[in-house]
Amino acid sequence: MTRTTTRLGLALGLVFVAGAPATAQLAPDTLEIYAVHGSAAELDVVAQLRDVAARHDLRDWEVTPVVRIDETQIPHSHPALTIHTRHRNDPDGLLAVYLHEQFHWWVGVGDRRVALDAAMADLRAAFPDAPTSGPEGARGEYSTYLHLVVCHLEYQAVRATIGEERARAALLANRHYTWIYRTVLDDPRVTAILELHGFVVE
């Protein structure tokens, strides 16, 4: 039984997104993937993400059940998880960006919301000179420290799914958040701080 459903059409997708619940873990067969414009590239990514979700059990890290594939947008998590087509024919990159956006939802569930503020404060103290604009950092100070958390979780989950070598390659291939990804991969202080605050992928 497949975990994913493909439906085409911008209007249908947006109606579903508006009422989509956010849960701590998705039940089987609830992930909905939409090609916003129905282009060949979007349809390919829909099929490829369905394959990724079928081959790997990602449910511990999935929170929002609706995924929009939109070739005109950069990836973002809210108000609806949206992925572009840059990772067409790149399953490792697609896995990474999908989990990255899911972790933006995951960190806001339950007690993790409070822990997130404390973790970001410690990261700010440890890395006071972190870049706060692209391509090395994110868009502003808050977003940079938030992305240290999200990208760390992304790396841990991707590594647990496809192994160390492929996970590192997938993250280092990004042209954005370059300092953030290098720091997550190579500075043990990030792991130590986030483990202290309970941000551990198992």
N, C-alpha and C. Protein backbone atom coordinates (compact mmCIF):
# COMPACT_ATOMS: atom_id res chain seq x y z
N MET A 1 0.85 -1.20 0.00
CA MET A 1 0.00 0.00 0.00
C MET A 1 0.88 1.25 0.00
N THR A 2 0.71 2.12 -0.95
CA THR A 2 1.58 3.28 -1.04
C THR A 2 1.26 4.32 0.02
N ARG A 3 2.31 5.04 0.42
CA ARG A 3 2.12 6.08 1.42
C ARG A 3 1.73 7.40 0.80
N THR A 4 1.82 7.53 -0.50
CA THR A 4 1.65 8.85 -1.11
C THR A 4 0.54 8.84 -2.16
N THR A 5 -0.04 10.01 -2.34
CA THR A 5 -1.07 10.19 -3.35
C THR A 5 -0.71 11.41 -4.18
N THR A 6 -0.84 11.32 -5.48
CA THR A 6 -0.56 12.44 -6.36
C THR A 6 -1.87 13.02 -6.87
N ARG A 7 -2.05 14.33 -6.69
CA ARG A 7 -3.21 15.01 -7.25
C ARG A 7 -2.73 16.27 -7.94
N LEU A 8 -3.25 16.52 -9.10
CA LEU A 8 -2.82 17.67 -9.89
C LEU A 8 -3.84 18.78 -9.76
N GLY A 9 -3.31 20.00 -9.92
CA GLY A 9 -4.22 21.16 -9.93
C GLY A 9 -3.94 22.08 -8.77
N LEU A 10 -3.63 23.32 -9.08
CA LEU A 10 -3.32 24.31 -8.06
C LEU A 10 -4.47 24.51 -7.10
N ALA A 11 -5.69 24.62 -7.59
CA ALA A 11 -6.82 24.92 -6.71
C ALA A 11 -7.04 23.80 -5.71
N LEU A 12 -7.04 22.56 -6.16
CA LEU A 12 -7.25 21.44 -5.25
C LEU A 12 -6.16 21.38 -4.20
N GLY A 13 -4.92 21.58 -4.64
CA GLY A 13 -3.80 21.53 -3.70
C GLY A 13 -3.91 22.58 -2.63
N LEU A 14 -4.27 23.78 -2.98
CA LEU A 14 -4.33 24.85 -2.00
C LEU A 14 -5.49 24.66 -1.04
N VAL A 15 -6.60 24.13 -1.51
CA VAL A 15 -7.72 23.87 -0.61
C VAL A 15 -7.31 22.84 0.43
N PHE A 16 -6.63 21.80 0.02
CA PHE A 16 -6.22 20.76 0.96
C PHE A 16 -5.20 21.30 1.95
N VAL A 17 -4.24 22.09 1.44
CA VAL A 17 -3.21 22.64 2.31
C VAL A 17 -3.80 23.48 3.42
N ALA A 18 -4.80 24.26 3.10
CA ALA A 18 -5.34 25.18 4.10
C ALA A 18 -5.88 24.46 5.32
N GLY A 19 -6.38 23.24 5.15
CA GLY A 19 -6.93 22.52 6.28
C GLY A 19 -6.06 21.41 6.79
N ALA A 20 -4.80 21.36 6.36
CA ALA A 20 -3.94 20.23 6.71
C ALA A 20 -3.51 20.30 8.16
N PRO A 21 -3.72 19.23 8.93
CA PRO A 21 -3.30 19.22 10.32
C PRO A 21 -1.82 18.95 10.44
N ALA A 22 -1.18 19.45 11.51
CA ALA A 22 0.21 19.13 11.81
C ALA A 22 0.21 18.20 13.02
N THR A 23 0.78 17.03 12.85
CA THR A 23 0.82 16.06 13.93
C THR A 23 2.25 15.75 14.28
N ALA A 24 2.47 15.04 15.38
CA ALA A 24 3.82 14.69 15.79
C ALA A 24 4.42 13.63 14.88
N GLN A 25 3.60 12.78 14.29
CA GLN A 25 4.08 11.75 13.39
C GLN A 25 2.95 11.40 12.43
N LEU A 26 3.28 11.25 11.16
CA LEU A 26 2.25 10.93 10.18
C LEU A 26 1.90 9.45 10.24
N ALA A 27 0.63 9.17 10.10
CA ALA A 27 0.19 7.79 9.98
C ALA A 27 0.46 7.30 8.56
N PRO A 28 0.55 5.99 8.37
CA PRO A 28 0.73 5.48 7.00
C PRO A 28 -0.38 5.96 6.08
N ASP A 29 0.00 6.14 4.81
CA ASP A 29 -0.96 6.46 3.75
C ASP A 29 -1.59 7.84 3.88
N THR A 30 -0.90 8.78 4.54
CA THR A 30 -1.47 10.11 4.69
C THR A 30 -0.69 11.18 3.93
N LEU A 31 0.47 10.87 3.40
CA LEU A 31 1.28 11.86 2.71
C LEU A 31 0.69 12.17 1.35
N GLU A 32 0.40 13.46 1.11
CA GLU A 32 -0.19 13.91 -0.15
C GLU A 32 0.82 14.81 -0.86
N ILE A 33 1.11 14.50 -2.12
CA ILE A 33 2.09 15.25 -2.90
C ILE A 33 1.40 15.82 -4.13
N TYR A 34 1.53 17.13 -4.34
CA TYR A 34 0.84 17.82 -5.43
C TYR A 34 1.82 18.50 -6.37
N ALA A 35 1.61 18.32 -7.66
CA ALA A 35 2.32 19.10 -8.67
C ALA A 35 1.49 20.36 -8.92
N VAL A 36 2.01 21.51 -8.55
CA VAL A 36 1.21 22.73 -8.58
C VAL A 36 0.82 23.13 -9.99
N HIS A 37 1.76 23.06 -10.93
CA HIS A 37 1.47 23.47 -12.30
C HIS A 37 1.29 22.27 -13.24
N GLY A 38 1.62 21.08 -12.77
CA GLY A 38 1.47 19.90 -13.61
C GLY A 38 2.48 19.80 -14.72
N SER A 39 3.63 20.48 -14.59
CA SER A 39 4.65 20.41 -15.63
C SER A 39 5.37 19.07 -15.56
N ALA A 40 6.13 18.77 -16.62
CA ALA A 40 6.86 17.51 -16.65
C ALA A 40 7.87 17.43 -15.52
N ALA A 41 8.55 18.56 -15.24
CA ALA A 41 9.54 18.56 -14.16
C ALA A 41 8.88 18.32 -12.81
N GLU A 42 7.77 18.99 -12.56
CA GLU A 42 7.07 18.80 -11.29
C GLU A 42 6.57 17.36 -11.15
N LEU A 43 6.02 16.81 -12.21
CA LEU A 43 5.51 15.44 -12.16
C LEU A 43 6.63 14.44 -11.92
N ASP A 44 7.79 14.71 -12.49
CA ASP A 44 8.94 13.84 -12.23
C ASP A 44 9.32 13.87 -10.75
N VAL A 45 9.34 15.07 -10.17
CA VAL A 45 9.72 15.19 -8.77
C VAL A 45 8.68 14.55 -7.86
N VAL A 46 7.41 14.69 -8.22
CA VAL A 46 6.36 14.00 -7.46
C VAL A 46 6.64 12.50 -7.42
N ALA A 47 6.89 11.93 -8.59
CA ALA A 47 7.15 10.49 -8.67
C ALA A 47 8.40 10.11 -7.91
N GLN A 48 9.43 10.95 -8.02
CA GLN A 48 10.69 10.64 -7.35
C GLN A 48 10.57 10.77 -5.83
N LEU A 49 9.80 11.74 -5.37
CA LEU A 49 9.61 11.86 -3.92
C LEU A 49 8.75 10.70 -3.41
N ARG A 50 7.76 10.28 -4.18
CA ARG A 50 6.97 9.11 -3.80
C ARG A 50 7.88 7.90 -3.64
N ASP A 51 8.84 7.76 -4.55
CA ASP A 51 9.77 6.63 -4.48
C ASP A 51 10.65 6.72 -3.25
N VAL A 52 11.16 7.92 -2.97
CA VAL A 52 11.98 8.12 -1.77
C VAL A 52 11.20 7.75 -0.51
N ALA A 53 9.95 8.22 -0.43
CA ALA A 53 9.12 7.94 0.75
C ALA A 53 8.77 6.46 0.86
N ALA A 54 8.66 5.78 -0.28
CA ALA A 54 8.34 4.35 -0.25
C ALA A 54 9.54 3.51 0.17
N ARG A 55 10.74 3.96 -0.20
CA ARG A 55 11.94 3.17 0.09
C ARG A 55 12.47 3.38 1.50
N HIS A 56 12.12 4.51 2.14
CA HIS A 56 12.65 4.83 3.47
C HIS A 56 11.49 5.17 4.40
N ASP A 57 11.56 4.69 5.61
CA ASP A 57 10.54 5.04 6.60
C ASP A 57 10.96 6.35 7.27
N LEU A 58 10.31 7.42 6.88
CA LEU A 58 10.66 8.75 7.35
C LEU A 58 9.66 9.29 8.37
N ARG A 59 8.72 8.46 8.79
CA ARG A 59 7.57 8.97 9.54
C ARG A 59 7.94 9.58 10.89
N ASP A 60 9.06 9.18 11.48
CA ASP A 60 9.46 9.79 12.75
C ASP A 60 9.74 11.28 12.61
N TRP A 61 10.02 11.71 11.39
CA TRP A 61 10.43 13.10 11.17
C TRP A 61 9.43 13.88 10.34
N GLU A 62 8.37 13.26 9.91
CA GLU A 62 7.36 13.93 9.10
C GLU A 62 6.26 14.47 10.01
N VAL A 63 5.92 15.72 9.82
CA VAL A 63 4.89 16.36 10.64
C VAL A 63 3.73 16.82 9.78
N THR A 64 4.00 17.56 8.73
CA THR A 64 2.91 18.04 7.87
C THR A 64 2.71 17.06 6.71
N PRO A 65 1.46 16.69 6.43
CA PRO A 65 1.22 15.64 5.43
C PRO A 65 1.16 16.11 3.99
N VAL A 66 1.15 17.40 3.76
CA VAL A 66 0.96 17.92 2.40
C VAL A 66 2.26 18.49 1.86
N VAL A 67 2.61 18.08 0.66
CA VAL A 67 3.82 18.56 -0.01
C VAL A 67 3.43 19.10 -1.37
N ARG A 68 3.83 20.33 -1.65
CA ARG A 68 3.59 20.96 -2.95
C ARG A 68 4.90 21.00 -3.71
N ILE A 69 4.89 20.52 -4.94
CA ILE A 69 6.05 20.64 -5.83
C ILE A 69 5.78 21.81 -6.77
N ASP A 70 6.60 22.85 -6.65
CA ASP A 70 6.36 24.09 -7.40
C ASP A 70 7.68 24.56 -7.99
N GLU A 71 7.80 24.46 -9.30
CA GLU A 71 9.05 24.82 -9.97
C GLU A 71 9.34 26.31 -9.93
N THR A 72 8.38 27.13 -9.53
CA THR A 72 8.56 28.58 -9.50
C THR A 72 8.96 29.11 -8.12
N GLN A 73 9.03 28.24 -7.13
CA GLN A 73 9.27 28.68 -5.75
C GLN A 73 10.57 28.10 -5.22
N ILE A 74 11.21 28.81 -4.30
CA ILE A 74 12.31 28.21 -3.54
C ILE A 74 11.67 27.37 -2.43
N PRO A 75 12.36 26.35 -1.95
CA PRO A 75 11.76 25.51 -0.90
C PRO A 75 11.44 26.32 0.35
N HIS A 76 10.31 26.01 0.96
CA HIS A 76 9.93 26.62 2.22
C HIS A 76 8.97 25.69 2.94
N SER A 77 8.86 25.90 4.23
CA SER A 77 8.07 24.98 5.06
C SER A 77 6.66 25.46 5.32
N HIS A 78 6.45 26.77 5.47
CA HIS A 78 5.16 27.31 5.88
C HIS A 78 4.69 28.36 4.87
N PRO A 79 3.40 28.48 4.71
CA PRO A 79 2.32 27.76 5.41
C PRO A 79 2.11 26.34 4.90
N ALA A 80 2.67 26.01 3.74
CA ALA A 80 2.59 24.65 3.22
C ALA A 80 3.98 24.24 2.75
N LEU A 81 4.38 23.01 3.06
CA LEU A 81 5.70 22.53 2.67
C LEU A 81 5.79 22.51 1.15
N THR A 82 6.77 23.24 0.62
CA THR A 82 6.90 23.41 -0.81
C THR A 82 8.33 23.13 -1.24
N ILE A 83 8.47 22.34 -2.29
CA ILE A 83 9.78 21.97 -2.82
C ILE A 83 9.82 22.33 -4.29
N HIS A 84 10.97 22.80 -4.75
CA HIS A 84 11.11 23.11 -6.17
C HIS A 84 11.55 21.86 -6.94
N THR A 85 11.99 22.05 -8.17
CA THR A 85 12.38 20.92 -9.01
C THR A 85 13.89 20.83 -9.20
N ARG A 86 14.65 21.55 -8.41
CA ARG A 86 16.12 21.54 -8.56
C ARG A 86 16.70 20.15 -8.36
N HIS A 87 16.06 19.35 -7.50
CA HIS A 87 16.59 18.02 -7.21
C HIS A 87 15.93 16.93 -8.03
N ARG A 88 15.40 17.32 -9.16
CA ARG A 88 14.90 16.33 -10.12
C ARG A 88 16.05 15.39 -10.50
N ASN A 89 15.82 14.10 -10.42
CA ASN A 89 16.83 13.07 -10.72
C ASN A 89 18.00 13.09 -9.74
N ASP A 90 17.78 13.60 -8.56
CA ASP A 90 18.79 13.63 -7.49
C ASP A 90 18.12 13.15 -6.20
N PRO A 91 17.97 11.84 -6.02
CA PRO A 91 17.20 11.35 -4.88
C PRO A 91 17.78 11.72 -3.53
N ASP A 92 19.10 11.78 -3.42
CA ASP A 92 19.69 12.14 -2.13
C ASP A 92 19.41 13.60 -1.80
N GLY A 93 19.54 14.47 -2.79
CA GLY A 93 19.22 15.88 -2.57
C GLY A 93 17.76 16.10 -2.29
N LEU A 94 16.91 15.34 -2.96
CA LEU A 94 15.47 15.45 -2.72
C LEU A 94 15.11 14.99 -1.32
N LEU A 95 15.69 13.89 -0.88
CA LEU A 95 15.49 13.43 0.49
C LEU A 95 15.90 14.51 1.48
N ALA A 96 17.06 15.12 1.26
CA ALA A 96 17.57 16.12 2.20
C ALA A 96 16.67 17.34 2.27
N VAL A 97 16.27 17.88 1.11
CA VAL A 97 15.44 19.10 1.15
C VAL A 97 14.07 18.80 1.73
N TYR A 98 13.53 17.63 1.46
CA TYR A 98 12.24 17.25 2.02
C TYR A 98 12.32 17.17 3.54
N LEU A 99 13.34 16.50 4.07
CA LEU A 99 13.47 16.40 5.52
C LEU A 99 13.79 17.76 6.14
N HIS A 100 14.58 18.57 5.45
CA HIS A 100 14.88 19.91 5.95
C HIS A 100 13.58 20.67 6.23
N GLU A 101 12.68 20.68 5.25
CA GLU A 101 11.43 21.43 5.43
C GLU A 101 10.52 20.77 6.47
N GLN A 102 10.53 19.47 6.56
CA GLN A 102 9.75 18.81 7.61
C GLN A 102 10.29 19.18 8.99
N PHE A 103 11.61 19.31 9.13
CA PHE A 103 12.18 19.64 10.44
C PHE A 103 11.82 21.07 10.87
N HIS A 104 11.53 21.94 9.94
CA HIS A 104 11.01 23.26 10.34
C HIS A 104 9.69 23.11 11.08
N TRP A 105 8.89 22.13 10.71
CA TRP A 105 7.66 21.84 11.44
C TRP A 105 7.96 21.08 12.73
N TRP A 106 8.84 20.11 12.64
CA TRP A 106 9.16 19.20 13.75
C TRP A 106 9.64 19.96 14.99
N VAL A 107 10.46 21.00 14.80
CA VAL A 107 11.01 21.72 15.95
C VAL A 107 9.94 22.51 16.71
N GLY A 108 8.79 22.71 16.09
CA GLY A 108 7.72 23.48 16.74
C GLY A 108 6.69 22.63 17.45
N VAL A 109 6.90 21.31 17.50
CA VAL A 109 5.92 20.41 18.11
C VAL A 109 6.17 20.26 19.60
N GLY A 110 5.15 20.51 20.42
CA GLY A 110 5.20 20.23 21.85
C GLY A 110 6.30 20.98 22.57
N ASP A 111 7.01 20.26 23.44
CA ASP A 111 8.06 20.86 24.27
C ASP A 111 9.27 21.30 23.46
N ARG A 112 9.39 20.83 22.23
CA ARG A 112 10.54 21.22 21.42
C ARG A 112 10.54 22.71 21.13
N ARG A 113 9.37 23.35 21.12
CA ARG A 113 9.31 24.79 20.87
C ARG A 113 10.07 25.57 21.94
N VAL A 114 9.92 25.17 23.21
CA VAL A 114 10.64 25.83 24.31
C VAL A 114 12.12 25.50 24.24
N ALA A 115 12.43 24.23 23.99
CA ALA A 115 13.83 23.81 23.91
C ALA A 115 14.56 24.52 22.77
N LEU A 116 13.83 24.82 21.70
CA LEU A 116 14.44 25.48 20.55
C LEU A 116 15.00 26.85 20.93
N ASP A 117 14.25 27.62 21.69
CA ASP A 117 14.72 28.94 22.09
C ASP A 117 16.00 28.84 22.92
N ALA A 118 16.04 27.87 23.82
CA ALA A 118 17.24 27.70 24.67
C ALA A 118 18.42 27.23 23.83
N ALA A 119 18.19 26.33 22.91
CA ALA A 119 19.27 25.84 22.05
C ALA A 119 19.82 26.96 21.18
N MET A 120 18.93 27.78 20.63
CA MET A 120 19.40 28.88 19.79
C MET A 120 20.20 29.89 20.59
N ALA A 121 19.83 30.11 21.84
CA ALA A 121 20.60 31.03 22.69
C ALA A 121 22.01 30.50 22.90
N ASP A 122 22.13 29.21 23.13
CA ASP A 122 23.47 28.62 23.32
C ASP A 122 24.27 28.65 22.03
N LEU A 123 23.62 28.42 20.90
CA LEU A 123 24.33 28.50 19.62
C LEU A 123 24.80 29.93 19.34
N ARG A 124 23.98 30.89 19.71
CA ARG A 124 24.36 32.29 19.52
C ARG A 124 25.60 32.63 20.36
N ALA A 125 25.67 32.09 21.58
CA ALA A 125 26.83 32.32 22.43
C ALA A 125 28.07 31.62 21.89
N ALA A 126 27.89 30.44 21.32
CA ALA A 126 29.02 29.68 20.79
C ALA A 126 29.54 30.23 19.47
N PHE A 127 28.64 30.80 18.67
CA PHE A 127 29.00 31.29 17.34
C PHE A 127 28.52 32.74 17.19
N PRO A 128 29.10 33.68 17.94
CA PRO A 128 28.60 35.05 17.93
C PRO A 128 28.78 35.78 16.61
N ASP A 129 29.70 35.29 15.78
CA ASP A 129 29.99 35.96 14.51
C ASP A 129 29.43 35.19 13.31
N ALA A 130 28.41 34.39 13.54
CA ALA A 130 27.82 33.63 12.45
C ALA A 130 27.30 34.58 11.37
N PRO A 131 27.50 34.24 10.10
CA PRO A 131 26.98 35.11 9.02
C PRO A 131 25.46 35.12 9.03
N THR A 132 24.89 36.25 8.75
CA THR A 132 23.44 36.41 8.81
C THR A 132 22.82 36.80 7.47
N SER A 133 23.51 36.44 6.40
CA SER A 133 22.96 36.64 5.06
C SER A 133 23.56 35.57 4.15
N GLY A 134 22.93 35.41 2.98
CA GLY A 134 23.37 34.39 2.06
C GLY A 134 24.61 34.78 1.28
N PRO A 135 25.30 33.80 0.70
CA PRO A 135 24.93 32.39 0.72
C PRO A 135 25.43 31.62 1.94
N GLU A 136 26.27 32.25 2.77
CA GLU A 136 26.84 31.51 3.90
C GLU A 136 25.83 31.30 5.03
N GLY A 137 25.09 32.37 5.37
CA GLY A 137 24.09 32.26 6.43
C GLY A 137 22.69 32.27 5.86
N ALA A 138 21.73 32.46 6.74
CA ALA A 138 20.33 32.53 6.33
C ALA A 138 19.89 33.99 6.28
N ARG A 139 18.59 34.20 6.26
CA ARG A 139 18.07 35.56 6.12
C ARG A 139 17.86 36.18 7.49
N GLY A 140 18.93 36.73 8.04
CA GLY A 140 18.85 37.37 9.34
C GLY A 140 19.42 36.51 10.46
N GLU A 141 19.63 37.15 11.60
CA GLU A 141 20.26 36.45 12.73
C GLU A 141 19.41 35.30 13.24
N TYR A 142 18.12 35.55 13.46
CA TYR A 142 17.26 34.49 13.99
C TYR A 142 17.26 33.28 13.05
N SER A 143 17.13 33.53 11.76
CA SER A 143 17.05 32.44 10.80
C SER A 143 18.36 31.66 10.73
N THR A 144 19.48 32.34 10.87
CA THR A 144 20.77 31.63 10.85
C THR A 144 20.87 30.64 12.00
N TYR A 145 20.55 31.08 13.22
CA TYR A 145 20.66 30.16 14.37
C TYR A 145 19.58 29.09 14.33
N LEU A 146 18.40 29.43 13.82
CA LEU A 146 17.38 28.41 13.62
C LEU A 146 17.86 27.35 12.65
N HIS A 147 18.54 27.79 11.58
CA HIS A 147 18.99 26.83 10.59
C HIS A 147 20.16 25.98 11.08
N LEU A 148 20.92 26.44 12.05
CA LEU A 148 21.90 25.54 12.66
C LEU A 148 21.19 24.33 13.28
N VAL A 149 20.04 24.57 13.88
CA VAL A 149 19.25 23.48 14.46
C VAL A 149 18.65 22.60 13.36
N VAL A 150 17.97 23.23 12.42
CA VAL A 150 17.26 22.48 11.38
C VAL A 150 18.24 21.70 10.50
N CYS A 151 19.34 22.32 10.11
CA CYS A 151 20.30 21.65 9.25
C CYS A 151 21.02 20.52 9.99
N HIS A 152 21.24 20.70 11.28
CA HIS A 152 21.80 19.60 12.09
C HIS A 152 20.84 18.40 12.09
N LEU A 153 19.57 18.65 12.32
CA LEU A 153 18.58 17.57 12.31
C LEU A 153 18.49 16.94 10.93
N GLU A 154 18.50 17.78 9.90
CA GLU A 154 18.49 17.27 8.52
C GLU A 154 19.64 16.31 8.29
N TYR A 155 20.85 16.72 8.68
CA TYR A 155 22.02 15.88 8.48
C TYR A 155 21.90 14.57 9.25
N GLN A 156 21.47 14.65 10.51
CA GLN A 156 21.35 13.43 11.32
C GLN A 156 20.37 12.46 10.68
N ALA A 157 19.24 12.96 10.21
CA ALA A 157 18.22 12.09 9.63
C ALA A 157 18.66 11.53 8.27
N VAL A 158 19.26 12.37 7.43
CA VAL A 158 19.73 11.89 6.13
C VAL A 158 20.84 10.86 6.33
N ARG A 159 21.74 11.12 7.26
CA ARG A 159 22.81 10.15 7.54
C ARG A 159 22.24 8.82 8.03
N ALA A 160 21.22 8.89 8.90
CA ALA A 160 20.60 7.66 9.39
C ALA A 160 19.90 6.89 8.28
N THR A 161 19.50 7.61 7.24
CA THR A 161 18.74 6.99 6.15
C THR A 161 19.62 6.43 5.05
N ILE A 162 20.65 7.19 4.63
CA ILE A 162 21.45 6.76 3.47
C ILE A 162 22.94 6.68 3.75
N GLY A 163 23.35 6.93 4.98
CA GLY A 163 24.76 6.79 5.32
C GLY A 163 25.52 8.10 5.32
N GLU A 164 26.67 8.06 5.99
CA GLU A 164 27.50 9.25 6.21
C GLU A 164 27.99 9.89 4.92
N GLU A 165 28.58 9.11 4.05
CA GLU A 165 29.20 9.68 2.86
C GLU A 165 28.19 10.36 1.96
N ARG A 166 27.08 9.71 1.69
CA ARG A 166 26.07 10.29 0.83
C ARG A 166 25.39 11.48 1.48
N ALA A 167 25.20 11.43 2.80
CA ALA A 167 24.58 12.56 3.50
C ALA A 167 25.45 13.80 3.41
N ARG A 168 26.75 13.65 3.66
CA ARG A 168 27.67 14.79 3.58
C ARG A 168 27.67 15.37 2.17
N ALA A 169 27.72 14.49 1.17
CA ALA A 169 27.75 14.97 -0.22
C ALA A 169 26.48 15.73 -0.56
N ALA A 170 25.34 15.23 -0.11
CA ALA A 170 24.07 15.90 -0.42
C ALA A 170 24.02 17.29 0.19
N LEU A 171 24.46 17.43 1.43
CA LEU A 171 24.39 18.73 2.10
C LEU A 171 25.43 19.71 1.57
N LEU A 172 26.63 19.20 1.27
CA LEU A 172 27.67 20.09 0.77
C LEU A 172 27.41 20.54 -0.67
N ALA A 173 26.50 19.87 -1.36
CA ALA A 173 26.17 20.28 -2.73
C ALA A 173 25.30 21.53 -2.76
N ASN A 174 24.74 21.92 -1.63
CA ASN A 174 23.88 23.11 -1.58
C ASN A 174 24.70 24.37 -1.84
N ARG A 175 24.10 25.29 -2.55
CA ARG A 175 24.74 26.58 -2.81
C ARG A 175 24.30 27.65 -1.82
N HIS A 176 23.44 27.27 -0.88
CA HIS A 176 22.96 28.21 0.13
C HIS A 176 23.32 27.65 1.52
N TYR A 177 23.28 28.51 2.53
CA TYR A 177 23.60 28.11 3.91
C TYR A 177 24.96 27.41 3.98
N THR A 178 25.91 27.89 3.21
CA THR A 178 27.18 27.15 3.09
C THR A 178 27.95 27.12 4.41
N TRP A 179 28.00 28.25 5.13
CA TRP A 179 28.67 28.23 6.45
C TRP A 179 27.89 27.35 7.41
N ILE A 180 26.59 27.44 7.37
CA ILE A 180 25.76 26.65 8.29
C ILE A 180 26.01 25.17 8.08
N TYR A 181 25.99 24.72 6.84
CA TYR A 181 26.20 23.29 6.59
C TYR A 181 27.62 22.86 6.96
N ARG A 182 28.62 23.65 6.64
CA ARG A 182 29.99 23.29 7.02
C ARG A 182 30.11 23.19 8.54
N THR A 183 29.49 24.12 9.24
CA THR A 183 29.57 24.12 10.71
C THR A 183 28.85 22.91 11.29
N VAL A 184 27.69 22.61 10.78
CA VAL A 184 26.94 21.44 11.23
C VAL A 184 27.75 20.16 11.01
N LEU A 185 28.41 20.07 9.87
CA LEU A 185 29.13 18.85 9.52
C LEU A 185 30.46 18.72 10.27
N ASP A 186 31.10 19.84 10.58
CA ASP A 186 32.49 19.77 11.02
C ASP A 186 32.77 20.32 12.41
N ASP A 187 31.84 21.00 13.03
CA ASP A 187 32.11 21.57 14.36
C ASP A 187 31.33 20.80 15.41
N PRO A 188 32.00 20.04 16.27
CA PRO A 188 31.30 19.20 17.25
C PRO A 188 30.50 19.99 18.28
N ARG A 189 30.74 21.29 18.38
CA ARG A 189 29.98 22.09 19.34
C ARG A 189 28.49 22.12 19.01
N VAL A 190 28.17 22.07 17.74
CA VAL A 190 26.75 22.08 17.34
C VAL A 190 26.05 20.84 17.89
N THR A 191 26.65 19.68 17.67
CA THR A 191 26.06 18.44 18.16
C THR A 191 25.95 18.45 19.68
N ALA A 192 26.99 18.90 20.35
CA ALA A 192 26.98 18.92 21.82
C ALA A 192 25.86 19.80 22.36
N ILE A 193 25.71 20.99 21.79
CA ILE A 193 24.67 21.91 22.25
C ILE A 193 23.29 21.34 21.99
N LEU A 194 23.08 20.80 20.82
CA LEU A 194 21.75 20.32 20.48
C LEU A 194 21.40 19.03 21.22
N GLU A 195 22.37 18.18 21.47
CA GLU A 195 22.09 17.00 22.30
C GLU A 195 21.72 17.42 23.72
N LEU A 196 22.37 18.46 24.23
CA LEU A 196 22.05 18.96 25.56
C LEU A 196 20.59 19.37 25.66
N HIS A 197 20.04 19.90 24.59
CA HIS A 197 18.65 20.38 24.58
C HIS A 197 17.68 19.35 24.00
N GLY A 198 18.14 18.15 23.78
CA GLY A 198 17.25 17.08 23.36
C GLY A 198 16.98 16.98 21.88
N PHE A 199 17.74 17.69 21.06
CA PHE A 199 17.53 17.62 19.61
C PHE A 199 18.38 16.49 19.04
N VAL A 200 17.88 15.29 19.20
CA VAL A 200 18.59 14.07 18.79
C VAL A 200 17.67 13.29 17.85
N VAL A 201 18.24 12.87 16.74
CA VAL A 201 17.51 12.03 15.78
C VAL A 201 17.86 10.58 16.08
N GLU A 202 16.84 9.78 16.29
CA GLU A 202 17.06 8.36 16.61
C GLU A 202 16.45 7.48 15.54
